N, C-alpha and C. Protein backbone atom coordinates (compact mmCIF):
# COMPACT_ATOMS: atom_id res chain seq x y z
N LYS A 1 -7.80 -18.80 21.80
CA LYS A 1 -6.83 -18.12 20.94
C LYS A 1 -6.87 -18.76 19.56
N ILE A 2 -7.06 -18.02 18.51
CA ILE A 2 -7.16 -18.56 17.16
C ILE A 2 -5.82 -19.18 16.77
N GLY A 3 -5.89 -20.39 16.23
CA GLY A 3 -4.68 -21.12 15.96
C GLY A 3 -4.15 -20.97 14.55
N SER A 4 -4.58 -19.99 13.80
CA SER A 4 -4.13 -19.84 12.41
C SER A 4 -3.10 -18.72 12.30
N ASP A 5 -1.84 -19.11 12.00
CA ASP A 5 -0.81 -18.09 11.79
C ASP A 5 -1.18 -17.22 10.60
N GLU A 6 -1.77 -17.82 9.57
CA GLU A 6 -2.11 -17.08 8.36
C GLU A 6 -3.15 -16.01 8.66
N LEU A 7 -4.12 -16.33 9.50
CA LEU A 7 -5.14 -15.35 9.87
C LEU A 7 -4.52 -14.19 10.63
N ARG A 8 -3.65 -14.50 11.57
CA ARG A 8 -3.00 -13.43 12.33
C ARG A 8 -2.11 -12.58 11.43
N GLU A 9 -1.43 -13.23 10.49
CA GLU A 9 -0.57 -12.48 9.56
C GLU A 9 -1.38 -11.53 8.70
N TRP A 10 -2.55 -11.99 8.21
CA TRP A 10 -3.39 -11.11 7.38
C TRP A 10 -3.80 -9.88 8.19
N ALA A 11 -4.29 -10.11 9.41
CA ALA A 11 -4.74 -8.98 10.24
C ALA A 11 -3.58 -8.04 10.53
N SER A 12 -2.40 -8.59 10.84
CA SER A 12 -1.24 -7.76 11.15
C SER A 12 -0.82 -6.94 9.93
N ARG A 13 -0.83 -7.55 8.76
CA ARG A 13 -0.43 -6.82 7.56
C ARG A 13 -1.42 -5.71 7.23
N GLU A 14 -2.70 -5.96 7.42
CA GLU A 14 -3.68 -4.91 7.15
C GLU A 14 -3.49 -3.73 8.10
N LEU A 15 -3.14 -4.02 9.33
CA LEU A 15 -2.96 -2.95 10.31
C LEU A 15 -1.61 -2.25 10.16
N ARG A 16 -0.55 -3.02 9.95
CA ARG A 16 0.80 -2.47 9.97
C ARG A 16 1.39 -2.23 8.58
N GLY A 17 0.80 -2.86 7.58
CA GLY A 17 1.28 -2.70 6.22
C GLY A 17 1.95 -3.97 5.70
N TYR A 18 2.05 -4.05 4.37
CA TYR A 18 2.68 -5.18 3.69
C TYR A 18 4.11 -4.80 3.35
N GLN A 19 5.04 -5.64 3.77
CA GLN A 19 6.46 -5.31 3.65
C GLN A 19 7.11 -6.05 2.49
N GLY A 20 8.10 -5.41 1.87
CA GLY A 20 8.94 -6.06 0.88
C GLY A 20 8.18 -6.80 -0.19
N SER A 21 8.45 -8.10 -0.28
CA SER A 21 7.85 -8.94 -1.32
C SER A 21 6.58 -9.65 -0.87
N GLU A 22 6.03 -9.28 0.28
CA GLU A 22 4.80 -9.92 0.75
C GLU A 22 3.69 -9.73 -0.28
N GLU A 23 2.97 -10.80 -0.56
CA GLU A 23 1.92 -10.76 -1.58
C GLU A 23 0.82 -9.78 -1.18
N LEU A 24 0.44 -8.94 -2.13
CA LEU A 24 -0.56 -7.90 -1.87
C LEU A 24 -1.92 -8.35 -2.38
N PRO A 25 -2.98 -8.24 -1.57
CA PRO A 25 -4.32 -8.58 -2.07
C PRO A 25 -4.70 -7.69 -3.25
N GLU A 26 -5.50 -8.22 -4.16
CA GLU A 26 -5.88 -7.47 -5.36
C GLU A 26 -6.59 -6.17 -5.02
N TYR A 27 -7.35 -6.15 -3.92
CA TYR A 27 -8.11 -4.94 -3.61
C TYR A 27 -7.21 -3.79 -3.18
N ARG A 28 -5.92 -4.05 -2.94
CA ARG A 28 -4.99 -2.99 -2.56
C ARG A 28 -4.22 -2.42 -3.75
N VAL A 29 -4.62 -2.77 -4.96
CA VAL A 29 -4.05 -2.18 -6.16
C VAL A 29 -5.12 -1.31 -6.81
N VAL A 30 -4.88 0.00 -6.88
CA VAL A 30 -5.90 0.94 -7.37
C VAL A 30 -5.37 1.75 -8.53
N GLY A 31 -6.26 2.13 -9.44
CA GLY A 31 -5.88 2.96 -10.58
C GLY A 31 -5.45 4.35 -10.14
N ALA A 32 -4.43 4.88 -10.85
CA ALA A 32 -3.90 6.21 -10.50
C ALA A 32 -3.25 6.82 -11.74
N GLY A 33 -3.71 8.01 -12.13
CA GLY A 33 -3.08 8.72 -13.23
C GLY A 33 -1.75 9.33 -12.80
N ILE A 34 -0.87 9.55 -13.78
CA ILE A 34 0.44 10.16 -13.51
C ILE A 34 0.40 11.62 -13.97
N TYR A 35 0.87 12.53 -13.13
CA TYR A 35 0.79 13.96 -13.39
C TYR A 35 2.14 14.62 -13.11
N LEU A 36 2.31 15.79 -13.72
CA LEU A 36 3.51 16.57 -13.43
C LEU A 36 3.16 18.02 -13.17
N ASP A 37 4.05 18.69 -12.46
CA ASP A 37 4.04 20.14 -12.30
C ASP A 37 5.34 20.68 -12.87
N GLY A 38 5.33 21.95 -13.25
CA GLY A 38 6.53 22.57 -13.76
C GLY A 38 6.25 23.99 -14.19
N PHE A 39 7.12 24.51 -15.02
CA PHE A 39 6.89 25.87 -15.53
C PHE A 39 7.62 26.05 -16.84
N THR A 40 7.12 26.99 -17.63
CA THR A 40 7.80 27.46 -18.83
C THR A 40 8.20 28.91 -18.55
N ILE A 41 8.65 29.60 -19.56
CA ILE A 41 9.15 30.96 -19.34
C ILE A 41 8.09 31.89 -18.79
N ASN A 42 6.83 31.64 -19.13
CA ASN A 42 5.77 32.55 -18.66
C ASN A 42 4.54 31.83 -18.13
N THR A 43 4.63 30.52 -17.87
CA THR A 43 3.46 29.75 -17.45
C THR A 43 3.81 28.77 -16.35
N GLN A 44 2.98 28.75 -15.31
CA GLN A 44 3.08 27.75 -14.25
C GLN A 44 2.23 26.55 -14.65
N ILE A 45 2.80 25.37 -14.64
CA ILE A 45 2.10 24.14 -15.02
C ILE A 45 1.75 23.37 -13.75
N THR A 46 0.49 23.03 -13.58
CA THR A 46 0.06 22.24 -12.43
C THR A 46 -0.92 21.18 -12.87
N GLY A 47 -0.63 19.96 -12.58
CA GLY A 47 -1.57 18.87 -12.84
C GLY A 47 -1.70 18.52 -14.30
N GLN A 48 -0.59 18.45 -15.04
CA GLN A 48 -0.65 18.00 -16.43
C GLN A 48 -0.52 16.48 -16.45
N GLN A 49 -1.55 15.80 -16.94
CA GLN A 49 -1.50 14.34 -16.99
C GLN A 49 -0.57 13.87 -18.11
N ILE A 50 0.21 12.84 -17.82
CA ILE A 50 1.13 12.29 -18.81
C ILE A 50 1.00 10.77 -18.83
N SER A 51 1.48 10.17 -19.90
CA SER A 51 1.53 8.72 -20.02
C SER A 51 2.78 8.19 -19.32
N PRO A 52 2.72 6.96 -18.79
CA PRO A 52 3.95 6.37 -18.25
C PRO A 52 5.08 6.34 -19.27
N ARG A 53 4.72 6.28 -20.58
CA ARG A 53 5.74 6.23 -21.62
C ARG A 53 6.46 7.57 -21.79
N SER A 54 5.92 8.62 -21.17
CA SER A 54 6.61 9.91 -21.20
C SER A 54 7.78 9.95 -20.22
N LEU A 55 7.81 8.97 -19.30
CA LEU A 55 8.90 8.89 -18.35
C LEU A 55 10.11 8.21 -19.00
N LEU A 56 11.22 8.20 -18.30
CA LEU A 56 12.44 7.59 -18.83
C LEU A 56 12.26 6.09 -19.00
N ASP A 57 12.97 5.52 -19.97
CA ASP A 57 12.78 4.11 -20.33
C ASP A 57 12.95 3.17 -19.16
N PHE A 58 13.91 3.43 -18.28
CA PHE A 58 14.20 2.48 -17.21
C PHE A 58 13.08 2.41 -16.16
N THR A 59 12.12 3.33 -16.22
CA THR A 59 11.02 3.31 -15.26
C THR A 59 9.81 2.53 -15.76
N HIS A 60 9.79 2.13 -17.04
CA HIS A 60 8.57 1.60 -17.63
C HIS A 60 8.09 0.30 -16.99
N LYS A 61 9.00 -0.50 -16.45
CA LYS A 61 8.56 -1.76 -15.85
C LYS A 61 8.14 -1.59 -14.39
N ASP A 62 8.40 -0.43 -13.83
CA ASP A 62 8.12 -0.23 -12.41
C ASP A 62 7.05 0.82 -12.12
N ILE A 63 6.84 1.77 -13.03
CA ILE A 63 5.88 2.84 -12.79
C ILE A 63 4.74 2.70 -13.79
N HIS A 64 3.53 2.54 -13.27
CA HIS A 64 2.35 2.31 -14.09
C HIS A 64 1.23 3.24 -13.64
N GLU A 65 0.09 3.12 -14.32
CA GLU A 65 -1.07 3.94 -13.93
C GLU A 65 -1.91 3.20 -12.89
N TYR A 66 -1.23 2.69 -11.92
CA TYR A 66 -1.86 2.12 -10.73
C TYR A 66 -0.86 2.18 -9.59
N VAL A 67 -1.37 2.07 -8.38
CA VAL A 67 -0.54 2.15 -7.19
C VAL A 67 -0.81 0.93 -6.31
N GLU A 68 0.27 0.33 -5.79
CA GLU A 68 0.14 -0.73 -4.80
C GLU A 68 0.13 -0.08 -3.42
N LEU A 69 -0.95 -0.26 -2.71
CA LEU A 69 -1.10 0.35 -1.38
C LEU A 69 -0.58 -0.61 -0.33
N ARG A 70 0.65 -0.42 0.11
CA ARG A 70 1.29 -1.32 1.05
C ARG A 70 1.24 -0.81 2.49
N ASP A 71 0.83 0.43 2.70
CA ASP A 71 0.77 0.97 4.06
C ASP A 71 -0.38 0.34 4.84
N GLY A 72 -0.29 0.46 6.15
CA GLY A 72 -1.36 -0.01 7.01
C GLY A 72 -2.67 0.72 6.72
N ILE A 73 -3.77 0.10 7.10
CA ILE A 73 -5.09 0.64 6.78
C ILE A 73 -5.30 2.01 7.43
N GLY A 74 -4.65 2.25 8.56
CA GLY A 74 -4.74 3.57 9.20
C GLY A 74 -4.13 4.66 8.34
N SER A 75 -3.03 4.35 7.66
CA SER A 75 -2.40 5.33 6.77
C SER A 75 -3.31 5.67 5.60
N ILE A 76 -3.99 4.64 5.08
CA ILE A 76 -4.92 4.87 3.97
C ILE A 76 -6.07 5.75 4.43
N GLU A 77 -6.58 5.49 5.62
CA GLU A 77 -7.66 6.33 6.15
C GLU A 77 -7.19 7.76 6.36
N ALA A 78 -5.93 7.94 6.76
CA ALA A 78 -5.40 9.30 6.94
C ALA A 78 -5.33 10.03 5.61
N LEU A 79 -4.94 9.32 4.54
CA LEU A 79 -4.92 9.94 3.21
C LEU A 79 -6.32 10.36 2.78
N ILE A 80 -7.29 9.51 3.04
CA ILE A 80 -8.68 9.84 2.69
C ILE A 80 -9.13 11.09 3.44
N ALA A 81 -8.84 11.14 4.73
CA ALA A 81 -9.26 12.29 5.54
C ALA A 81 -8.61 13.57 5.05
N GLN A 82 -7.32 13.51 4.69
CA GLN A 82 -6.64 14.70 4.20
C GLN A 82 -7.24 15.17 2.88
N ALA A 83 -7.50 14.22 1.97
CA ALA A 83 -8.08 14.59 0.68
C ALA A 83 -9.47 15.19 0.85
N GLU A 84 -10.25 14.65 1.77
CA GLU A 84 -11.59 15.17 1.99
C GLU A 84 -11.54 16.56 2.61
N ARG A 85 -10.59 16.80 3.49
CA ARG A 85 -10.43 18.15 4.06
C ARG A 85 -10.08 19.16 2.98
N GLU A 86 -9.20 18.75 2.08
CA GLU A 86 -8.74 19.65 1.03
C GLU A 86 -9.61 19.62 -0.21
N GLN A 87 -10.63 18.73 -0.18
CA GLN A 87 -11.54 18.56 -1.32
C GLN A 87 -10.74 18.37 -2.62
N ASP A 88 -9.85 17.42 -2.57
CA ASP A 88 -8.94 17.19 -3.69
C ASP A 88 -8.66 15.70 -3.80
N PHE A 89 -7.94 15.32 -4.85
CA PHE A 89 -7.47 13.96 -5.00
C PHE A 89 -6.30 13.72 -4.04
N VAL A 90 -6.03 12.45 -3.77
CA VAL A 90 -4.81 12.08 -3.05
C VAL A 90 -3.65 12.14 -4.02
N LYS A 91 -2.55 12.75 -3.63
CA LYS A 91 -1.38 12.89 -4.48
C LYS A 91 -0.20 12.20 -3.80
N LEU A 92 0.36 11.23 -4.48
CA LEU A 92 1.51 10.48 -3.97
C LEU A 92 2.67 10.62 -4.93
N SER A 93 3.81 10.99 -4.40
CA SER A 93 5.00 11.20 -5.22
C SER A 93 5.46 9.89 -5.86
N LEU A 94 5.91 9.97 -7.12
CA LEU A 94 6.48 8.80 -7.78
C LEU A 94 7.80 8.42 -7.11
N PRO A 95 8.23 7.17 -7.26
CA PRO A 95 9.56 6.79 -6.77
C PRO A 95 10.63 7.64 -7.45
N ILE A 96 11.65 7.99 -6.70
CA ILE A 96 12.77 8.84 -7.15
C ILE A 96 12.27 10.01 -8.00
N ALA A 97 11.18 10.64 -7.54
CA ALA A 97 10.53 11.69 -8.33
C ALA A 97 11.47 12.87 -8.60
N ALA A 98 12.26 13.26 -7.62
CA ALA A 98 13.15 14.41 -7.82
C ALA A 98 14.17 14.14 -8.92
N ASP A 99 14.74 12.93 -8.91
CA ASP A 99 15.71 12.58 -9.95
C ASP A 99 15.04 12.51 -11.32
N LEU A 100 13.84 11.92 -11.37
CA LEU A 100 13.12 11.82 -12.64
C LEU A 100 12.80 13.21 -13.19
N ALA A 101 12.36 14.12 -12.31
CA ALA A 101 12.05 15.48 -12.75
C ALA A 101 13.30 16.16 -13.32
N SER A 102 14.43 15.94 -12.67
CA SER A 102 15.68 16.53 -13.16
C SER A 102 16.07 15.96 -14.52
N PHE A 103 15.96 14.64 -14.67
CA PHE A 103 16.31 14.01 -15.95
C PHE A 103 15.37 14.48 -17.06
N MET A 104 14.07 14.58 -16.74
CA MET A 104 13.10 15.02 -17.74
C MET A 104 13.36 16.47 -18.15
N THR A 105 13.73 17.31 -17.19
CA THR A 105 14.06 18.69 -17.51
C THR A 105 15.25 18.76 -18.46
N GLN A 106 16.25 17.94 -18.20
CA GLN A 106 17.41 17.91 -19.09
C GLN A 106 17.04 17.43 -20.49
N SER A 107 16.12 16.44 -20.55
CA SER A 107 15.74 15.89 -21.85
C SER A 107 14.93 16.89 -22.68
N ILE A 108 14.22 17.81 -22.01
CA ILE A 108 13.48 18.84 -22.73
C ILE A 108 14.44 19.74 -23.50
N GLY A 109 15.57 20.04 -22.88
CA GLY A 109 16.61 20.81 -23.55
C GLY A 109 16.32 22.28 -23.71
N ASN A 110 15.37 22.78 -22.92
CA ASN A 110 15.02 24.20 -22.98
C ASN A 110 15.27 24.79 -21.59
N PRO A 111 16.18 25.75 -21.46
CA PRO A 111 16.51 26.29 -20.13
C PRO A 111 15.34 27.02 -19.48
N TYR A 112 14.31 27.30 -20.24
CA TYR A 112 13.16 28.03 -19.69
C TYR A 112 11.98 27.10 -19.38
N GLN A 113 12.20 25.81 -19.48
CA GLN A 113 11.17 24.83 -19.12
C GLN A 113 11.72 23.87 -18.09
N ARG A 114 10.92 23.58 -17.07
CA ARG A 114 11.40 22.72 -16.00
C ARG A 114 10.25 21.88 -15.44
N VAL A 115 10.53 20.63 -15.18
CA VAL A 115 9.61 19.75 -14.46
C VAL A 115 9.99 19.80 -12.99
N THR A 116 9.03 20.11 -12.12
CA THR A 116 9.33 20.28 -10.70
C THR A 116 8.76 19.18 -9.82
N ALA A 117 7.75 18.44 -10.29
CA ALA A 117 7.14 17.40 -9.47
C ALA A 117 6.48 16.36 -10.36
N LEU A 118 6.54 15.10 -9.91
CA LEU A 118 5.88 13.98 -10.59
C LEU A 118 5.15 13.17 -9.55
N TYR A 119 3.88 12.87 -9.81
CA TYR A 119 3.08 12.22 -8.77
C TYR A 119 1.90 11.48 -9.37
N TRP A 120 1.37 10.56 -8.58
CA TRP A 120 0.10 9.91 -8.90
C TRP A 120 -1.05 10.70 -8.28
N LYS A 121 -2.19 10.70 -8.94
CA LYS A 121 -3.42 11.22 -8.35
C LYS A 121 -4.40 10.05 -8.22
N ILE A 122 -4.93 9.89 -7.02
CA ILE A 122 -5.84 8.79 -6.73
C ILE A 122 -7.15 9.35 -6.19
N SER A 123 -8.25 8.84 -6.68
CA SER A 123 -9.54 9.26 -6.18
C SER A 123 -9.73 8.77 -4.74
N PRO A 124 -10.21 9.65 -3.84
CA PRO A 124 -10.51 9.19 -2.49
C PRO A 124 -11.54 8.06 -2.48
N VAL A 125 -12.41 8.03 -3.49
CA VAL A 125 -13.40 6.95 -3.58
C VAL A 125 -12.71 5.60 -3.74
N ALA A 126 -11.64 5.57 -4.54
CA ALA A 126 -10.89 4.32 -4.73
C ALA A 126 -10.26 3.86 -3.42
N LEU A 127 -9.73 4.80 -2.64
CA LEU A 127 -9.14 4.44 -1.36
C LEU A 127 -10.21 4.01 -0.36
N ARG A 128 -11.35 4.68 -0.42
CA ARG A 128 -12.45 4.30 0.47
C ARG A 128 -12.90 2.87 0.19
N SER A 129 -12.86 2.46 -1.08
CA SER A 129 -13.27 1.10 -1.42
C SER A 129 -12.30 0.08 -0.84
N VAL A 130 -11.02 0.44 -0.72
CA VAL A 130 -10.06 -0.45 -0.09
C VAL A 130 -10.39 -0.65 1.38
N VAL A 131 -10.67 0.45 2.07
CA VAL A 131 -11.04 0.37 3.48
C VAL A 131 -12.30 -0.47 3.65
N ASP A 132 -13.29 -0.23 2.79
CA ASP A 132 -14.54 -1.00 2.87
C ASP A 132 -14.28 -2.48 2.63
N GLN A 133 -13.37 -2.79 1.70
CA GLN A 133 -13.06 -4.20 1.41
C GLN A 133 -12.44 -4.88 2.63
N VAL A 134 -11.57 -4.18 3.33
CA VAL A 134 -10.96 -4.74 4.54
C VAL A 134 -12.04 -4.97 5.60
N ARG A 135 -12.93 -4.02 5.76
CA ARG A 135 -14.02 -4.18 6.74
C ARG A 135 -14.91 -5.36 6.38
N THR A 136 -15.24 -5.47 5.09
CA THR A 136 -16.08 -6.58 4.64
C THR A 136 -15.37 -7.91 4.87
N THR A 137 -14.08 -7.97 4.54
CA THR A 137 -13.32 -9.20 4.74
C THR A 137 -13.29 -9.58 6.22
N LEU A 138 -13.08 -8.59 7.09
CA LEU A 138 -13.07 -8.86 8.52
C LEU A 138 -14.41 -9.42 8.98
N THR A 139 -15.50 -8.83 8.49
CA THR A 139 -16.83 -9.31 8.87
C THR A 139 -17.05 -10.73 8.38
N GLU A 140 -16.64 -11.00 7.14
CA GLU A 140 -16.81 -12.34 6.59
C GLU A 140 -15.98 -13.37 7.37
N LEU A 141 -14.80 -12.97 7.80
CA LEU A 141 -13.99 -13.88 8.62
C LEU A 141 -14.70 -14.22 9.92
N ILE A 142 -15.28 -13.20 10.55
CA ILE A 142 -16.00 -13.44 11.80
C ILE A 142 -17.17 -14.39 11.58
N VAL A 143 -17.90 -14.19 10.48
CA VAL A 143 -19.03 -15.08 10.16
C VAL A 143 -18.55 -16.51 9.97
N GLU A 144 -17.46 -16.68 9.20
CA GLU A 144 -16.92 -18.02 8.95
C GLU A 144 -16.45 -18.67 10.24
N LEU A 145 -15.79 -17.90 11.10
CA LEU A 145 -15.28 -18.45 12.35
C LEU A 145 -16.42 -18.87 13.27
N ARG A 146 -17.43 -18.02 13.37
CA ARG A 146 -18.57 -18.36 14.23
C ARG A 146 -19.32 -19.57 13.71
N ALA A 147 -19.47 -19.64 12.38
CA ALA A 147 -20.21 -20.75 11.79
C ALA A 147 -19.49 -22.07 12.00
N GLY A 148 -18.16 -22.04 12.06
CA GLY A 148 -17.40 -23.28 12.19
C GLY A 148 -17.00 -23.63 13.60
N THR A 149 -17.37 -22.82 14.58
CA THR A 149 -16.99 -23.08 15.97
C THR A 149 -18.08 -23.88 16.67
N PRO A 150 -17.75 -25.04 17.21
CA PRO A 150 -18.76 -25.82 17.96
C PRO A 150 -19.34 -25.03 19.11
N ASP A 151 -20.59 -25.33 19.43
CA ASP A 151 -21.28 -24.59 20.47
C ASP A 151 -20.60 -24.71 21.83
N ASP A 152 -19.89 -25.82 22.05
CA ASP A 152 -19.28 -26.04 23.37
C ASP A 152 -17.86 -25.49 23.46
N GLN A 153 -17.43 -24.70 22.44
CA GLN A 153 -16.10 -24.11 22.46
C GLN A 153 -16.19 -22.60 22.38
N ASP A 154 -15.29 -21.93 23.11
CA ASP A 154 -15.26 -20.47 23.07
C ASP A 154 -14.48 -19.94 21.87
N SER A 155 -13.47 -20.68 21.43
CA SER A 155 -12.62 -20.24 20.33
C SER A 155 -12.68 -21.27 19.20
N PRO A 156 -12.57 -20.81 17.96
CA PRO A 156 -12.62 -21.73 16.82
C PRO A 156 -11.37 -22.59 16.75
N PRO A 157 -11.48 -23.85 16.33
CA PRO A 157 -10.30 -24.69 16.12
C PRO A 157 -9.41 -24.11 15.02
N ALA A 158 -8.14 -24.52 15.02
CA ALA A 158 -7.19 -24.01 14.04
C ALA A 158 -7.64 -24.29 12.63
N GLU A 159 -8.20 -25.49 12.39
CA GLU A 159 -8.62 -25.83 11.02
C GLU A 159 -9.76 -24.93 10.54
N VAL A 160 -10.59 -24.48 11.46
CA VAL A 160 -11.67 -23.57 11.09
C VAL A 160 -11.11 -22.21 10.72
N ALA A 161 -10.12 -21.75 11.49
CA ALA A 161 -9.49 -20.47 11.17
C ALA A 161 -8.80 -20.53 9.82
N ASN A 162 -8.10 -21.65 9.55
CA ASN A 162 -7.45 -21.80 8.26
C ASN A 162 -8.46 -21.80 7.12
N GLN A 163 -9.58 -22.49 7.32
CA GLN A 163 -10.61 -22.53 6.29
C GLN A 163 -11.18 -21.14 6.05
N ALA A 164 -11.38 -20.39 7.11
CA ALA A 164 -11.93 -19.03 6.97
C ALA A 164 -11.00 -18.16 6.13
N VAL A 165 -9.68 -18.25 6.37
CA VAL A 165 -8.73 -17.47 5.59
C VAL A 165 -8.77 -17.89 4.13
N ASN A 166 -8.82 -19.20 3.88
CA ASN A 166 -8.86 -19.69 2.50
C ASN A 166 -10.09 -19.19 1.76
N VAL A 167 -11.23 -19.21 2.42
CA VAL A 167 -12.48 -18.83 1.78
C VAL A 167 -12.56 -17.32 1.58
N VAL A 168 -12.25 -16.57 2.63
CA VAL A 168 -12.51 -15.13 2.62
C VAL A 168 -11.35 -14.33 2.02
N VAL A 169 -10.13 -14.60 2.47
CA VAL A 169 -8.99 -13.79 2.05
C VAL A 169 -8.49 -14.22 0.68
N HIS A 170 -8.37 -15.55 0.47
CA HIS A 170 -7.79 -16.06 -0.77
C HIS A 170 -8.83 -16.45 -1.82
N GLY A 171 -10.12 -16.44 -1.43
CA GLY A 171 -11.16 -16.73 -2.41
C GLY A 171 -11.22 -18.18 -2.84
N ARG A 172 -10.68 -19.09 -2.02
CA ARG A 172 -10.74 -20.51 -2.37
C ARG A 172 -11.93 -21.14 -1.65
N GLY A 173 -13.04 -21.22 -2.37
CA GLY A 173 -14.26 -21.75 -1.78
C GLY A 173 -15.41 -20.79 -1.95
N SER A 174 -16.50 -21.02 -1.24
CA SER A 174 -17.70 -20.18 -1.36
C SER A 174 -17.59 -18.98 -0.44
N HIS A 175 -17.85 -17.80 -1.01
CA HIS A 175 -17.85 -16.57 -0.22
C HIS A 175 -19.16 -16.42 0.53
N VAL A 176 -19.08 -15.78 1.70
CA VAL A 176 -20.27 -15.43 2.46
C VAL A 176 -20.58 -13.96 2.18
N ASN A 177 -21.75 -13.66 1.72
CA ASN A 177 -22.13 -12.29 1.40
C ASN A 177 -22.74 -11.62 2.63
N VAL A 178 -22.03 -10.64 3.17
CA VAL A 178 -22.50 -9.93 4.35
C VAL A 178 -22.25 -8.44 4.15
N THR A 179 -22.80 -7.64 5.05
CA THR A 179 -22.58 -6.19 4.98
C THR A 179 -21.30 -5.84 5.70
N THR A 180 -20.82 -4.62 5.48
CA THR A 180 -19.57 -4.20 6.09
C THR A 180 -19.74 -3.92 7.57
N ALA A 181 -18.62 -4.00 8.28
CA ALA A 181 -18.60 -3.70 9.71
C ALA A 181 -17.52 -2.68 9.98
N GLN A 182 -17.58 -2.05 11.13
CA GLN A 182 -16.63 -1.01 11.46
C GLN A 182 -15.29 -1.62 11.85
N ALA A 183 -14.20 -1.07 11.34
CA ALA A 183 -12.85 -1.45 11.75
C ALA A 183 -12.05 -0.18 11.90
N ALA A 184 -11.07 -0.20 12.77
CA ALA A 184 -10.28 1.01 12.99
C ALA A 184 -8.83 0.63 13.23
N SER A 185 -7.95 1.54 12.89
CA SER A 185 -6.53 1.36 13.16
C SER A 185 -5.88 2.73 13.15
N GLU A 186 -4.58 2.75 13.49
CA GLU A 186 -3.87 4.02 13.54
C GLU A 186 -2.79 4.05 12.48
N GLY A 187 -2.45 5.27 12.01
CA GLY A 187 -1.39 5.38 11.02
C GLY A 187 -1.23 6.81 10.57
N LEU A 188 -0.10 7.08 9.95
CA LEU A 188 0.18 8.41 9.44
C LEU A 188 0.59 8.30 7.99
N ALA A 189 0.23 9.29 7.20
CA ALA A 189 0.65 9.32 5.80
C ALA A 189 0.76 10.77 5.36
N THR A 190 1.58 11.01 4.38
CA THR A 190 1.79 12.37 3.89
C THR A 190 1.57 12.43 2.40
N ALA A 191 0.65 13.25 1.96
CA ALA A 191 0.43 13.45 0.52
C ALA A 191 1.33 14.59 0.04
N VAL A 192 1.57 14.62 -1.24
CA VAL A 192 2.42 15.67 -1.81
C VAL A 192 1.61 16.94 -1.94
N PRO A 193 2.01 18.05 -1.31
CA PRO A 193 1.25 19.29 -1.43
C PRO A 193 1.41 19.88 -2.83
N ILE A 194 0.32 20.18 -3.48
CA ILE A 194 0.33 20.66 -4.86
C ILE A 194 -0.47 21.95 -4.95
N PRO A 195 0.07 23.00 -5.55
CA PRO A 195 -0.71 24.23 -5.75
C PRO A 195 -1.82 24.01 -6.74
N CYS A 196 -2.75 24.92 -6.79
CA CYS A 196 -3.97 24.74 -7.58
C CYS A 196 -3.96 25.47 -8.91
N SER A 197 -2.91 26.22 -9.22
CA SER A 197 -2.92 26.97 -10.48
C SER A 197 -2.73 26.04 -11.65
N ARG A 198 -3.17 26.44 -12.84
CA ARG A 198 -3.03 25.66 -14.05
C ARG A 198 -2.49 26.54 -15.17
N GLY A 199 -1.90 25.88 -16.16
CA GLY A 199 -1.39 26.65 -17.26
C GLY A 199 -1.27 25.79 -18.49
N GLY A 200 -0.19 25.98 -19.26
CA GLY A 200 0.01 25.25 -20.49
C GLY A 200 0.56 23.87 -20.25
N ALA A 201 1.30 23.33 -21.22
CA ALA A 201 1.81 21.98 -21.12
C ALA A 201 3.31 21.96 -21.37
N LEU A 202 4.01 21.07 -20.63
CA LEU A 202 5.43 20.88 -20.85
C LEU A 202 5.68 19.78 -21.86
N LEU A 203 4.84 18.73 -21.81
CA LEU A 203 4.99 17.59 -22.71
C LEU A 203 3.75 17.46 -23.55
N ASP A 204 3.88 17.36 -24.82
CA ASP A 204 2.75 17.20 -25.73
C ASP A 204 2.71 15.79 -26.26
């Protein structure tokens, strides 16, 4: 039985997700543009890209053009599968999106213009790279553990497990360059359903 709590915690977080203030690995932060849907008096708006600065001031420190992926790896794989089925980007709703859309509609001040949805768009390729990074990290951990386990022992000592986590997960030490390996987990995720029509712009 591997004696490293840190190693078990990393594996558990990758499978079940990172909670609250738990530190997120850099590979789980991916670029994501911010988009809106809405309508004017005669035009349906779908997929208009906006700057974070177009949002209300109180959101500027919390909403950026990147997303922290805290869900378990199975949820990320489910998002990838859904995007590939729909041949589209992954769409994730912004925090308090409904309230933000309502506030933005009020700030426009035109009764014939309305913001109906606010969301991030993420390339499935970016999400796939996260999954690949987890698989690579898992493979590197196995290599480190096997390399540090004496021939007369079935399981690696606790200090070897700790060293493997330091080298592979935290990058403290020399990395082992290996190819990716298969990993699997379960999870569910829901992307924001977005229609495909396009039109003019609500925010210039």
